[in-house]
Amino acid sequence: MPEGDAEVLGAAGAVLGLPAVDPVGVRDRVGQRPQDLPGQVPGFADGLLRVVDEVGLQVTPAPLELGRPLRAEQAVSVGARCRTRPGRRFGRRGGRRDAGRRVSLRPDDLNARLRVEDSVFYLGRLTDALGAARACVAADPKNAEAHYNLGMVQQQLGDYSGALASVTRSLELVDDPGRRADRLSLRYRQGLATKADMLDALAHEGESLSLATYLYTLLDAEPAMRDPQVVLKNLEENILTADAEWRWVIETVARVRAEDWPGALAALGDHFRPSAAIILTPGAYDFVRALIYAKLGRAEAARESYARGMATWNELTGGDPQAWEASDVMRWRREAEAALAN
């Protein structure tokens, strides 16, 4: 590993307050390609590492433990795929490698800190992302992106009032049309906007990710506020959904809410990786699959999916599962457990 890249590990770790990393030790023991990763990385308890063939070092978090081998999947690039979430436009802005170098050269560079927070979020490490996002807001209270990113993390953790406050503040600072869908959807979740408001927004929305935001909210709000038939009709008739990368996620959840279990399994299909749009937190997908299998009477497959979900849950939540109690991951876990118990 080039010396400059190894130094980035320590700088990026400092942004998140992670244990110090010995760059020389990392250079000596980590190859530049995922398939060359030879073993253990000393100095990490909850570390940062991303090595890819074409882009170079990617500053993203990977759950590592002292004395345990680095798994190949922990070194596959997230940054190489330009991932996003509904309403949140995630561009490379020079690439994560450049962001990492900015962290290394200028530790107070807010843009680099925002990119690191992105990385934590896209791996589904919500409590780590929450801390990083709050640090970004504290560093620059007038930065609209920092407030917005904080709101997106709060939303996934189920803190809808906090998320609404953060997104509203972001829009007060910069009126980004792409973030208005998040504000209306959060207002709807809390009873501050009507279903008519949501349907009107759906009818006039011309941007794919904002459309996904509205559709998922109509599936994930309180049960009395859900309308899977409206969502399924939109998926059938709205041209924006035809080739949308996120379509299968929305259709799967819509059919779950409609209790169309064969249809839900067909929509979920062989999608074993999360969508590029962060609609569900990555840790929720195995619980969704377990729920569908359980409802179809496929008990063994349901238990296997649930076991995978729990392995991810234990890895993500660490010593603070209480912080995840209201998260979408926990809500899908509970639904899966209820189905398995029947």
C-alpha atoms as a PDB file:
ATOM      1  CA  MET A   1       0.000   0.000   0.000  1.00  0.00           C
ATOM      2  CA  PRO A   2       1.454   3.427  -0.896  1.00  0.00           C
ATOM      3  CA  GLU A   3       2.610   5.415   2.078  1.00  0.00           C
ATOM      4  CA  GLY A   4       0.178   8.271   1.423  1.00  0.00           C
ATOM      5  CA  ASP A   5      -2.780   5.933   1.370  1.00  0.00           C
ATOM      6  CA  ALA A   6      -1.775   4.299   4.620  1.00  0.00           C
ATOM      7  CA  GLU A   7      -1.550   7.706   6.258  1.00  0.00           C
ATOM      8  CA  VAL A   8      -5.134   8.384   5.187  1.00  0.00           C
ATOM      9  CA  LEU A   9      -6.323   5.504   7.374  1.00  0.00           C
ATOM     10  CA  GLY A  10      -5.074   7.187  10.503  1.00  0.00           C
ATOM     11  CA  ALA A  11      -6.428  10.596   9.499  1.00  0.00           C
ATOM     12  CA  ALA A  12      -9.865   9.259   8.605  1.00  0.00           C
ATOM     13  CA  GLY A  13      -9.954   7.253  11.811  1.00  0.00           C
ATOM     14  CA  ALA A  14      -9.255  10.414  13.751  1.00  0.00           C
ATOM     15  CA  VAL A  15     -12.314  12.048  12.178  1.00  0.00           C
ATOM     16  CA  LEU A  16     -14.513   9.349  13.712  1.00  0.00           C
ATOM     17  CA  GLY A  17     -12.565   9.153  16.940  1.00  0.00           C
ATOM     18  CA  LEU A  18     -11.413   5.589  16.266  1.00  0.00           C
ATOM     19  CA  PRO A  19      -8.301   3.961  17.737  1.00  0.00           C
ATOM     20  CA  ALA A  20      -4.958   5.051  16.358  1.00  0.00           C
ATOM     21  CA  VAL A  21      -3.608   3.075  13.426  1.00  0.00           C
ATOM     22  CA  ASP A  22       0.038   2.280  12.765  1.00  0.00           C
ATOM     23  CA  PRO A  23       0.421   3.185   9.052  1.00  0.00           C
ATOM     24  CA  VAL A  24       3.619   1.143   8.731  1.00  0.00           C
ATOM     25  CA  GLY A  25       1.911  -1.949  10.120  1.00  0.00           C
ATOM     26  CA  VAL A  26      -1.006  -1.477   7.742  1.00  0.00           C
ATOM     27  CA  ARG A  27       1.300  -0.974   4.761  1.00  0.00           C
ATOM     28  CA  ASP A  28       3.195  -4.108   5.609  1.00  0.00           C
ATOM     29  CA  ARG A  29       0.162  -6.348   5.954  1.00  0.00           C
ATOM     30  CA  VAL A  30      -2.456  -5.188   3.466  1.00  0.00           C
ATOM     31  CA  GLY A  31      -2.265  -5.677  -0.300  1.00  0.00           C
ATOM     32  CA  GLN A  32      -3.760  -3.273  -2.830  1.00  0.00           C
ATOM     33  CA  ARG A  33      -6.354  -5.714  -4.157  1.00  0.00           C
ATOM     34  CA  PRO A  34      -9.149  -7.374  -2.163  1.00  0.00           C
ATOM     35  CA  GLN A  35      -7.962 -10.801  -3.257  1.00  0.00           C
ATOM     36  CA  ASP A  36      -4.481 -10.027  -1.897  1.00  0.00           C
ATOM     37  CA  LEU A  37      -5.603  -9.211   1.631  1.00  0.00           C
ATOM     38  CA  PRO A  38      -3.422 -11.512   3.668  1.00  0.00           C
ATOM     39  CA  GLY A  39      -4.736 -11.546   7.183  1.00  0.00           C
ATOM     40  CA  GLN A  40      -5.059  -9.374  10.198  1.00  0.00           C
ATOM     41  CA  VAL A  41      -4.789  -5.631  10.535  1.00  0.00           C
ATOM     42  CA  PRO A  42      -3.327  -4.677  13.913  1.00  0.00           C
ATOM     43  CA  GLY A  43      -4.486  -1.529  15.645  1.00  0.00           C
ATOM     44  CA  PHE A  44      -8.178  -1.684  14.700  1.00  0.00           C
ATOM     45  CA  ALA A  45     -11.057  -2.512  17.007  1.00  0.00           C
ATOM     46  CA  ASP A  46     -13.621  -0.722  14.891  1.00  0.00           C
ATOM     47  CA  GLY A  47     -11.545   0.458  11.999  1.00  0.00           C
ATOM     48  CA  LEU A  48     -11.462   2.026   8.583  1.00  0.00           C
ATOM     49  CA  LEU A  49     -10.276   0.213   5.524  1.00  0.00           C
ATOM     50  CA  ARG A  50     -11.223   0.010   1.892  1.00  0.00           C
ATOM     51  CA  VAL A  51      -8.841  -1.180  -0.823  1.00  0.00           C
ATOM     52  CA  VAL A  52      -9.893  -1.500  -4.451  1.00  0.00           C
ATOM     53  CA  ASP A  53      -8.217  -2.237  -7.735  1.00  0.00           C
ATOM     54  CA  GLU A  54      -9.033   0.799  -9.803  1.00  0.00           C
ATOM     55  CA  VAL A  55      -9.789   3.655  -7.441  1.00  0.00           C
ATOM     56  CA  GLY A  56      -7.185   3.067  -4.738  1.00  0.00           C
ATOM     57  CA  LEU A  57      -7.884   3.461  -1.066  1.00  0.00           C
ATOM     58  CA  GLN A  58     -11.509   4.118  -0.169  1.00  0.00           C
ATOM     59  CA  VAL A  59     -12.031   5.766   3.205  1.00  0.00           C
ATOM     60  CA  THR A  60     -14.934   3.733   4.523  1.00  0.00           C
ATOM     61  CA  PRO A  61     -15.549   1.929   7.793  1.00  0.00           C
ATOM     62  CA  ALA A  62     -15.227  -1.803   8.160  1.00  0.00           C
ATOM     63  CA  PRO A  63     -16.114  -3.737  11.320  1.00  0.00           C
ATOM     64  CA  LEU A  64     -12.858  -5.371  12.368  1.00  0.00           C
ATOM     65  CA  GLU A  65     -11.822  -7.020  15.592  1.00  0.00           C
ATOM     66  CA  LEU A  66      -8.364  -7.490  16.985  1.00  0.00           C
ATOM     67  CA  GLY A  67      -6.998 -10.917  16.276  1.00  0.00           C
ATOM     68  CA  ARG A  68      -9.550 -11.727  13.578  1.00  0.00           C
ATOM     69  CA  PRO A  69      -8.835 -11.983   9.835  1.00  0.00           C
ATOM     70  CA  LEU A  70     -10.023  -9.221   7.536  1.00  0.00           C
ATOM     71  CA  ARG A  71     -12.779 -10.698   5.404  1.00  0.00           C
ATOM     72  CA  ALA A  72     -12.617 -10.068   1.668  1.00  0.00           C
ATOM     73  CA  GLU A  73     -16.117  -8.566   1.612  1.00  0.00           C
ATOM     74  CA  GLN A  74     -14.944  -5.914   4.063  1.00  0.00           C
ATOM     75  CA  ALA A  75     -12.544  -4.677   1.409  1.00  0.00           C
ATOM     76  CA  VAL A  76     -14.925  -4.448  -1.548  1.00  0.00           C
ATOM     77  CA  SER A  77     -15.455  -0.869  -2.607  1.00  0.00           C
ATOM     78  CA  VAL A  78     -18.629   0.952  -1.762  1.00  0.00           C
ATOM     79  CA  GLY A  79     -17.246   4.117  -3.278  1.00  0.00           C
ATOM     80  CA  ALA A  80     -16.763   2.462  -6.654  1.00  0.00           C
ATOM     81  CA  ARG A  81     -20.551   2.347  -6.852  1.00  0.00           C
ATOM     82  CA  CYS A  82     -21.953   5.851  -6.529  1.00  0.00           C
ATOM     83  CA  ARG A  83     -24.512   5.000  -3.875  1.00  0.00           C
ATOM     84  CA  THR A  84     -27.311   7.256  -2.828  1.00  0.00           C
ATOM     85  CA  ARG A  85     -30.444   7.394  -0.768  1.00  0.00           C
ATOM     86  CA  PRO A  86     -33.842   8.885  -1.595  1.00  0.00           C
ATOM     87  CA  GLY A  87     -33.472  12.640  -1.641  1.00  0.00           C
ATOM     88  CA  ARG A  88     -29.779  12.578  -0.875  1.00  0.00           C
ATOM     89  CA  ARG A  89     -27.564  13.258  -3.873  1.00  0.00           C
ATOM     90  CA  PHE A  90     -24.300  11.496  -3.321  1.00  0.00           C
ATOM     91  CA  GLY A  91     -21.658  12.469  -5.859  1.00  0.00           C
ATOM     92  CA  ARG A  92     -18.012  11.591  -5.755  1.00  0.00           C
ATOM     93  CA  ARG A  93     -16.843  15.216  -5.694  1.00  0.00           C
ATOM     94  CA  GLY A  94     -13.367  14.104  -6.612  1.00  0.00           C
ATOM     95  CA  GLY A  95     -13.775  10.603  -5.232  1.00  0.00           C
ATOM     96  CA  ARG A  96     -13.441   9.137  -1.781  1.00  0.00           C
ATOM     97  CA  ARG A  97      -9.729   8.714  -2.278  1.00  0.00           C
ATOM     98  CA  ASP A  98      -9.386  12.473  -2.705  1.00  0.00           C
ATOM     99  CA  ALA A  99     -11.649  13.020   0.302  1.00  0.00           C
ATOM    100  CA  GLY A 100      -9.390  10.807   2.337  1.00  0.00           C
ATOM    101  CA  ARG A 101      -6.357  12.761   1.263  1.00  0.00           C
ATOM    102  CA  ARG A 102      -8.082  15.982   2.267  1.00  0.00           C
ATOM    103  CA  VAL A 103      -8.682  14.489   5.692  1.00  0.00           C
ATOM    104  CA  SER A 104      -5.019  13.562   5.866  1.00  0.00           C
ATOM    105  CA  LEU A 105      -3.726  16.946   4.753  1.00  0.00           C
ATOM    106  CA  ARG A 106      -6.405  19.142   6.347  1.00  0.00           C
ATOM    107  CA  PRO A 107      -8.084  17.376   9.273  1.00  0.00           C
ATOM    108  CA  ASP A 108     -10.537  20.270   9.668  1.00  0.00           C
ATOM    109  CA  ASP A 109     -11.791  20.002   6.062  1.00  0.00           C
ATOM    110  CA  LEU A 110     -15.577  19.689   6.430  1.00  0.00           C
ATOM    111  CA  ASN A 111     -16.039  18.219   2.948  1.00  0.00           C
ATOM    112  CA  ALA A 112     -13.751  15.340   3.858  1.00  0.00           C
ATOM    113  CA  ARG A 113     -15.625  14.828   7.123  1.00  0.00           C
ATOM    114  CA  LEU A 114     -18.931  14.745   5.231  1.00  0.00           C
ATOM    115  CA  ARG A 115     -17.560  12.080   2.882  1.00  0.00           C
ATOM    116  CA  VAL A 116     -16.447   9.954   5.803  1.00  0.00           C
ATOM    117  CA  GLU A 117     -19.916  10.282   7.341  1.00  0.00           C
ATOM    118  CA  ASP A 118     -21.361   9.171   3.995  1.00  0.00           C
ATOM    119  CA  SER A 119     -19.182   6.084   4.077  1.00  0.00           C
ATOM    120  CA  VAL A 120     -20.325   5.105   7.553  1.00  0.00           C
ATOM    121  CA  PHE A 121     -23.967   5.649   6.628  1.00  0.00           C
ATOM    122  CA  TYR A 122     -23.803   3.615   3.422  1.00  0.00           C
ATOM    123  CA  LEU A 123     -22.518   0.622   5.348  1.00  0.00           C
ATOM    124  CA  GLY A 124     -25.552   0.871   7.616  1.00  0.00           C
ATOM    125  CA  ARG A 125     -23.546   1.819  10.710  1.00  0.00           C
ATOM    126  CA  LEU A 126     -26.157   4.272  11.878  1.00  0.00           C
ATOM    127  CA  THR A 127     -24.939   5.128  15.367  1.00  0.00           C
ATOM    128  CA  ASP A 128     -21.434   5.799  14.057  1.00  0.00           C
ATOM    129  CA  ALA A 129     -22.947   7.901  11.264  1.00  0.00           C
ATOM    130  CA  LEU A 130     -25.024   9.809  13.818  1.00  0.00           C
ATOM    131  CA  GLY A 131     -21.938  10.803  15.762  1.00  0.00           C
ATOM    132  CA  ALA A 132     -20.075  11.772  12.603  1.00  0.00           C
ATOM    133  CA  ALA A 133     -23.039  13.795  11.293  1.00  0.00           C
ATOM    134  CA  ARG A 134     -23.424  15.661  14.583  1.00  0.00           C
ATOM    135  CA  ALA A 135     -19.725  16.467  14.511  1.00  0.00           C
ATOM    136  CA  CYS A 136     -20.139  17.934  11.017  1.00  0.00           C
ATOM    137  CA  VAL A 137     -23.044  20.129  12.161  1.00  0.00           C
ATOM    138  CA  ALA A 138     -21.036  21.285  15.171  1.00  0.00           C
ATOM    139  CA  ALA A 139     -18.075  22.109  12.926  1.00  0.00           C
ATOM    140  CA  ASP A 140     -20.205  24.271  10.607  1.00  0.00           C
ATOM    141  CA  PRO A 141     -23.756  25.002  11.840  1.00  0.00           C
ATOM    142  CA  LYS A 142     -24.519  26.883   8.603  1.00  0.00           C
ATOM    143  CA  ASN A 143     -23.704  23.994   6.304  1.00  0.00           C
ATOM    144  CA  ALA A 144     -26.919  22.744   4.695  1.00  0.00           C
ATOM    145  CA  GLU A 145     -25.527  19.359   3.682  1.00  0.00           C
ATOM    146  CA  ALA A 146     -24.371  18.639   7.218  1.00  0.00           C
ATOM    147  CA  HIS A 147     -27.871  19.250   8.588  1.00  0.00           C
ATOM    148  CA  TYR A 148     -29.437  17.198   5.817  1.00  0.00           C
ATOM    149  CA  ASN A 149     -27.111  14.259   6.330  1.00  0.00           C
ATOM    150  CA  LEU A 150     -27.867  14.329  10.047  1.00  0.00           C
ATOM    151  CA  GLY A 151     -31.578  14.253   9.251  1.00  0.00           C
ATOM    152  CA  MET A 152     -31.208  11.200   7.028  1.00  0.00           C
ATOM    153  CA  VAL A 153     -29.420   9.271   9.772  1.00  0.00           C
ATOM    154  CA  GLN A 154     -32.023  10.324  12.347  1.00  0.00           C
ATOM    155  CA  GLN A 155     -34.767   9.135   9.996  1.00  0.00           C
ATOM    156  CA  GLN A 156     -33.274   5.641   9.663  1.00  0.00           C
ATOM    157  CA  LEU A 157     -32.954   5.467  13.457  1.00  0.00           C
ATOM    158  CA  GLY A 158     -36.650   6.354  13.816  1.00  0.00           C
ATOM    159  CA  ASP A 159     -36.148   9.840  15.265  1.00  0.00           C
ATOM    160  CA  TYR A 160     -38.626  11.503  12.938  1.00  0.00           C
ATOM    161  CA  SER A 161     -39.015  14.736  14.888  1.00  0.00           C
ATOM    162  CA  GLY A 162     -35.239  15.182  14.986  1.00  0.00           C
ATOM    163  CA  ALA A 163     -34.999  14.319  11.298  1.00  0.00           C
ATOM    164  CA  LEU A 164     -37.675  16.856  10.391  1.00  0.00           C
ATOM    165  CA  ALA A 165     -35.887  19.577  12.367  1.00  0.00           C
ATOM    166  CA  SER A 166     -32.595  18.782  10.642  1.00  0.00           C
ATOM    167  CA  VAL A 167     -34.043  18.632   7.118  1.00  0.00           C
ATOM    168  CA  THR A 168     -36.039  21.825   7.709  1.00  0.00           C
ATOM    169  CA  ARG A 169     -32.901  23.613   8.875  1.00  0.00           C
ATOM    170  CA  SER A 170     -31.060  22.358   5.790  1.00  0.00           C
ATOM    171  CA  LEU A 171     -33.757  23.800   3.528  1.00  0.00           C
ATOM    172  CA  GLU A 172     -33.694  27.102   5.421  1.00  0.00           C
ATOM    173  CA  LEU A 173     -29.996  27.365   4.639  1.00  0.00           C
ATOM    174  CA  VAL A 174     -30.238  26.169   1.012  1.00  0.00           C
ATOM    175  CA  ASP A 175     -33.579  25.562  -0.680  1.00  0.00           C
ATOM    176  CA  ASP A 176     -32.610  22.378  -2.512  1.00  0.00           C
ATOM    177  CA  PRO A 177     -35.689  21.082  -4.407  1.00  0.00           C
ATOM    178  CA  GLY A 178     -34.377  17.525  -4.088  1.00  0.00           C
ATOM    179  CA  ARG A 179     -34.769  17.667  -0.322  1.00  0.00           C
ATOM    180  CA  ARG A 180     -38.358  18.852  -0.213  1.00  0.00           C
ATOM    181  CA  ALA A 181     -39.681  15.307  -0.586  1.00  0.00           C
ATOM    182  CA  ASP A 182     -37.916  14.354   2.634  1.00  0.00           C
ATOM    183  CA  ARG A 183     -39.480  17.240   4.523  1.00  0.00           C
ATOM    184  CA  LEU A 184     -43.023  16.497   3.325  1.00  0.00           C
ATOM    185  CA  SER A 185     -42.607  12.776   3.995  1.00  0.00           C
ATOM    186  CA  LEU A 186     -41.336  13.425   7.516  1.00  0.00           C
ATOM    187  CA  ARG A 187     -44.233  15.803   8.126  1.00  0.00           C
ATOM    188  CA  TYR A 188     -46.634  13.093   6.944  1.00  0.00           C
ATOM    189  CA  ARG A 189     -45.135  10.521   9.294  1.00  0.00           C
ATOM    190  CA  GLN A 190     -45.850  12.856  12.211  1.00  0.00           C
ATOM    191  CA  GLY A 191     -49.372  13.808  11.181  1.00  0.00           C
ATOM    192  CA  LEU A 192     -48.348  17.315  10.092  1.00  0.00           C
ATOM    193  CA  ALA A 193     -49.251  16.721   6.436  1.00  0.00           C
ATOM    194  CA  THR A 194     -52.216  14.920   4.927  1.00  0.00           C
ATOM    195  CA  LYS A 195     -52.481  11.993   2.575  1.00  0.00           C
ATOM    196  CA  ALA A 196     -53.874  14.426   0.016  1.00  0.00           C
ATOM    197  CA  ASP A 197     -50.602  16.365   0.287  1.00  0.00           C
ATOM    198  CA  MET A 198     -48.657  13.194  -0.411  1.00  0.00           C
ATOM    199  CA  LEU A 199     -50.818  12.177  -3.356  1.00  0.00           C
ATOM    200  CA  ASP A 200     -50.530  15.643  -4.869  1.00  0.00           C
ATOM    201  CA  ALA A 201     -46.748  15.499  -4.507  1.00  0.00           C
ATOM    202  CA  LEU A 202     -46.703  12.053  -6.139  1.00  0.00           C
ATOM    203  CA  ALA A 203     -48.755  13.313  -9.076  1.00  0.00           C
ATOM    204  CA  HIS A 204     -46.341  16.179  -9.768  1.00  0.00           C
ATOM    205  CA  GLU A 205     -42.987  14.627  -8.890  1.00  0.00           C
ATOM    206  CA  GLY A 206     -40.557  14.382 -11.789  1.00  0.00           C
ATOM    207  CA  GLU A 207     -37.449  13.142 -10.009  1.00  0.00           C
ATOM    208  CA  SER A 208     -36.853   9.462  -9.410  1.00  0.00           C
ATOM    209  CA  LEU A 209     -35.371   9.458  -5.905  1.00  0.00           C
ATOM    210  CA  SER A 210     -37.919  11.937  -4.584  1.00  0.00           C
ATOM    211  CA  LEU A 211     -40.634   9.676  -5.965  1.00  0.00           C
ATOM    212  CA  ALA A 212     -39.089   6.750  -4.084  1.00  0.00           C
ATOM    213  CA  THR A 213     -39.166   8.812  -0.900  1.00  0.00           C
ATOM    214  CA  TYR A 214     -42.904   9.442  -1.205  1.00  0.00           C
ATOM    215  CA  LEU A 215     -43.696   5.848  -2.163  1.00  0.00           C
ATOM    216  CA  TYR A 216     -41.762   4.292   0.684  1.00  0.00           C
ATOM    217  CA  THR A 217     -43.281   6.668   3.213  1.00  0.00           C
ATOM    218  CA  LEU A 218     -46.743   5.487   2.134  1.00  0.00           C
ATOM    219  CA  LEU A 219     -45.585   1.962   3.021  1.00  0.00           C
ATOM    220  CA  ASP A 220     -43.595   2.619   6.185  1.00  0.00           C
ATOM    221  CA  ALA A 221     -45.608   5.254   8.059  1.00  0.00           C
ATOM    222  CA  GLU A 222     -47.993   4.222  10.829  1.00  0.00           C
ATOM    223  CA  PRO A 223     -50.309   1.414   9.623  1.00  0.00           C
ATOM    224  CA  ALA A 224     -53.375   3.640   9.274  1.00  0.00           C
ATOM    225  CA  MET A 225     -51.382   5.992   7.023  1.00  0.00           C
ATOM    226  CA  ARG A 226     -50.169   3.309   4.617  1.00  0.00           C
ATOM    227  CA  ASP A 227     -51.564   2.674   1.153  1.00  0.00           C
ATOM    228  CA  PRO A 228     -49.841  -0.171  -0.701  1.00  0.00           C
ATOM    229  CA  GLN A 229     -52.411  -0.134  -3.499  1.00  0.00           C
ATOM    230  CA  VAL A 230     -51.571   3.475  -4.367  1.00  0.00           C
ATOM    231  CA  VAL A 231     -47.908   2.540  -4.406  1.00  0.00           C
ATOM    232  CA  LEU A 232     -48.431  -0.506  -6.618  1.00  0.00           C
ATOM    233  CA  LYS A 233     -50.530   1.568  -9.013  1.00  0.00           C
ATOM    234  CA  ASN A 234     -47.728   4.138  -9.231  1.00  0.00           C
ATOM    235  CA  LEU A 235     -45.180   1.416  -9.939  1.00  0.00           C
ATOM    236  CA  GLU A 236     -47.363   0.180 -12.775  1.00  0.00           C
ATOM    237  CA  GLU A 237     -48.232   3.535 -14.327  1.00  0.00           C
ATOM    238  CA  ASN A 238     -45.478   6.041 -13.523  1.00  0.00           C
ATOM    239  CA  ILE A 239     -42.817   6.116 -16.225  1.00  0.00           C
ATOM    240  CA  LEU A 240     -40.169   7.122 -13.683  1.00  0.00           C
ATOM    241  CA  THR A 241     -40.393   3.724 -12.005  1.00  0.00           C
ATOM    242  CA  ALA A 242     -39.975   1.629 -15.149  1.00  0.00           C
ATOM    243  CA  ASP A 243     -36.183   1.321 -15.014  1.00  0.00           C
ATOM    244  CA  ALA A 244     -35.592   2.673 -11.522  1.00  0.00           C
ATOM    245  CA  GLU A 245     -32.828   0.794  -9.717  1.00  0.00           C
ATOM    246  CA  TRP A 246     -34.855   0.959  -6.490  1.00  0.00           C
ATOM    247  CA  ARG A 247     -38.113  -0.348  -7.972  1.00  0.00           C
ATOM    248  CA  TRP A 248     -37.718  -3.894  -6.611  1.00  0.00           C
ATOM    249  CA  VAL A 249     -37.358  -2.615  -3.038  1.00  0.00           C
ATOM    250  CA  ILE A 250     -40.535  -0.554  -3.190  1.00  0.00           C
ATOM    251  CA  GLU A 251     -42.482  -3.336  -4.888  1.00  0.00           C
ATOM    252  CA  THR A 252     -41.295  -5.907  -2.339  1.00  0.00           C
ATOM    253  CA  VAL A 253     -42.404  -3.770   0.602  1.00  0.00           C
ATOM    254  CA  ALA A 254     -45.676  -2.810  -1.117  1.00  0.00           C
ATOM    255  CA  ARG A 255     -46.562  -6.473  -1.597  1.00  0.00           C
ATOM    256  CA  VAL A 256     -45.583  -7.233   2.000  1.00  0.00           C
ATOM    257  CA  ARG A 257     -47.966  -4.500   3.160  1.00  0.00           C
ATOM    258  CA  ALA A 258     -50.664  -5.874   0.845  1.00  0.00           C
ATOM    259  CA  GLU A 259     -49.971  -9.363   2.262  1.00  0.00           C
ATOM    260  CA  ASP A 260     -49.267 -10.649  -1.222  1.00  0.00           C
ATOM    261  CA  TRP A 261     -46.532 -13.015  -0.068  1.00  0.00           C
ATOM    262  CA  PRO A 262     -45.870 -14.820  -3.392  1.00  0.00           C
ATOM    263  CA  GLY A 263     -45.706 -11.425  -5.093  1.00  0.00           C
ATOM    264  CA  ALA A 264     -43.339 -10.110  -2.427  1.00  0.00           C
ATOM    265  CA  LEU A 265     -40.986 -13.057  -2.923  1.00  0.00           C
ATOM    266  CA  ALA A 266     -41.122 -12.631  -6.707  1.00  0.00           C
ATOM    267  CA  ALA A 267     -40.240  -8.938  -6.379  1.00  0.00           C
ATOM    268  CA  LEU A 268     -37.435  -9.663  -3.924  1.00  0.00           C
ATOM    269  CA  GLY A 269     -36.141 -12.442  -6.151  1.00  0.00           C
ATOM    270  CA  ASP A 270     -32.380 -12.898  -6.098  1.00  0.00           C
ATOM    271  CA  HIS A 271     -31.639  -9.390  -4.837  1.00  0.00           C
ATOM    272  CA  PHE A 272     -29.240 -10.307  -2.069  1.00  0.00           C
ATOM    273  CA  ARG A 273     -27.523  -6.935  -1.985  1.00  0.00           C
ATOM    274  CA  PRO A 274     -29.170  -3.687  -0.911  1.00  0.00           C
ATOM    275  CA  SER A 275     -30.284  -1.262  -3.571  1.00  0.00           C
ATOM    276  CA  ALA A 276     -27.989   1.643  -4.391  1.00  0.00           C
ATOM    277  CA  ALA A 277     -30.647   3.955  -3.000  1.00  0.00           C
ATOM    278  CA  ILE A 278     -30.704   3.712   0.782  1.00  0.00           C
ATOM    279  CA  ILE A 279     -34.411   3.082   1.272  1.00  0.00           C
ATOM    280  CA  LEU A 280     -34.044   0.392   3.903  1.00  0.00           C
ATOM    281  CA  THR A 281     -30.940   0.333   6.051  1.00  0.00           C
ATOM    282  CA  PRO A 282     -28.763  -2.522   4.700  1.00  0.00           C
ATOM    283  CA  GLY A 283     -29.191  -4.526   7.917  1.00  0.00           C
ATOM    284  CA  ALA A 284     -32.963  -4.782   7.384  1.00  0.00           C
ATOM    285  CA  TYR A 285     -32.996  -6.845   4.188  1.00  0.00           C
ATOM    286  CA  ASP A 286     -32.432 -10.272   5.723  1.00  0.00           C
ATOM    287  CA  PHE A 287     -35.289  -9.652   8.154  1.00  0.00           C
ATOM    288  CA  VAL A 288     -37.593  -8.709   5.263  1.00  0.00           C
ATOM    289  CA  ARG A 289     -36.643 -11.940   3.511  1.00  0.00           C
ATOM    290  CA  ALA A 290     -37.179 -13.929   6.725  1.00  0.00           C
ATOM    291  CA  LEU A 291     -40.644 -12.396   7.116  1.00  0.00           C
ATOM    292  CA  ILE A 292     -41.654 -13.327   3.566  1.00  0.00           C
ATOM    293  CA  TYR A 293     -40.363 -16.880   3.854  1.00  0.00           C
ATOM    294  CA  ALA A 294     -42.139 -17.353   7.192  1.00  0.00           C
ATOM    295  CA  LYS A 295     -45.438 -16.156   5.742  1.00  0.00           C
ATOM    296  CA  LEU A 296     -45.021 -18.609   2.862  1.00  0.00           C
ATOM    297  CA  GLY A 297     -44.451 -21.485   5.268  1.00  0.00           C
ATOM    298  CA  ARG A 298     -40.800 -21.899   4.315  1.00  0.00           C
ATOM    299  CA  ALA A 299     -39.604 -22.217   7.893  1.00  0.00           C
ATOM    300  CA  GLU A 300     -36.046 -23.375   7.268  1.00  0.00           C
ATOM    301  CA  ALA A 301     -35.334 -20.604   4.757  1.00  0.00           C
ATOM    302  CA  ALA A 302     -36.928 -18.105   7.128  1.00  0.00           C
ATOM    303  CA  ARG A 303     -34.706 -19.206  10.017  1.00  0.00           C
ATOM    304  CA  GLU A 304     -31.596 -19.017   7.834  1.00  0.00           C
ATOM    305  CA  SER A 305     -32.440 -15.479   6.731  1.00  0.00           C
ATOM    306  CA  TYR A 306     -33.227 -14.475  10.297  1.00  0.00           C
ATOM    307  CA  ALA A 307     -29.892 -15.892  11.492  1.00  0.00           C
ATOM    308  CA  ARG A 308     -28.065 -13.836   8.876  1.00  0.00           C
ATOM    309  CA  GLY A 309     -30.018 -10.781   9.938  1.00  0.00           C
ATOM    310  CA  MET A 310     -29.130 -11.326  13.576  1.00  0.00           C
ATOM    311  CA  ALA A 311     -25.448 -11.749  12.747  1.00  0.00           C
ATOM    312  CA  THR A 312     -25.526  -8.380  11.004  1.00  0.00           C
ATOM    313  CA  TRP A 313     -27.560  -6.894  13.854  1.00  0.00           C
ATOM    314  CA  ASN A 314     -25.035  -7.957  16.453  1.00  0.00           C
ATOM    315  CA  GLU A 315     -22.203  -6.587  14.349  1.00  0.00           C
ATOM    316  CA  LEU A 316     -23.926  -3.249  13.738  1.00  0.00           C
ATOM    317  CA  THR A 317     -25.301  -2.547  17.171  1.00  0.00           C
ATOM    318  CA  GLY A 318     -22.210  -3.501  19.148  1.00  0.00           C
ATOM    319  CA  GLY A 319     -22.610  -2.592  22.783  1.00  0.00           C
ATOM    320  CA  ASP A 320     -25.491  -0.166  22.255  1.00  0.00           C
ATOM    321  CA  PRO A 321     -28.533  -1.993  20.837  1.00  0.00           C
ATOM    322  CA  GLN A 322     -30.844   0.395  22.686  1.00  0.00           C
ATOM    323  CA  ALA A 323     -29.883   3.162  20.268  1.00  0.00           C
ATOM    324  CA  TRP A 324     -31.381   1.061  17.456  1.00  0.00           C
ATOM    325  CA  GLU A 325     -34.731   0.354  19.135  1.00  0.00           C
ATOM    326  CA  ALA A 326     -36.738   2.658  16.857  1.00  0.00           C
ATOM    327  CA  SER A 327     -34.696   1.970  13.714  1.00  0.00           C
ATOM    328  CA  ASP A 328     -36.113   0.424  10.569  1.00  0.00           C
ATOM    329  CA  VAL A 329     -33.825  -2.568  11.142  1.00  0.00           C
ATOM    330  CA  MET A 330     -35.449  -3.284  14.509  1.00  0.00           C
ATOM    331  CA  ARG A 331     -38.946  -2.800  13.148  1.00  0.00           C
ATOM    332  CA  TRP A 332     -38.358  -5.346  10.374  1.00  0.00           C
ATOM    333  CA  ARG A 333     -36.691  -7.662  12.876  1.00  0.00           C
ATOM    334  CA  ARG A 334     -39.803  -7.575  15.064  1.00  0.00           C
ATOM    335  CA  GLU A 335     -42.055  -8.341  12.112  1.00  0.00           C
ATOM    336  CA  ALA A 336     -39.880 -11.303  11.178  1.00  0.00           C
ATOM    337  CA  GLU A 337     -39.890 -12.605  14.747  1.00  0.00           C
ATOM    338  CA  ALA A 338     -43.662 -12.366  14.977  1.00  0.00           C
ATOM    339  CA  ALA A 339     -44.042 -14.317  11.735  1.00  0.00           C
ATOM    340  CA  LEU A 340     -41.567 -16.970  12.868  1.00  0.00           C
ATOM    341  CA  ALA A 341     -43.407 -17.373  16.176  1.00  0.00           C
ATOM    342  CA  ASN A 342     -46.690 -18.293  14.457  1.00  0.00           C
END
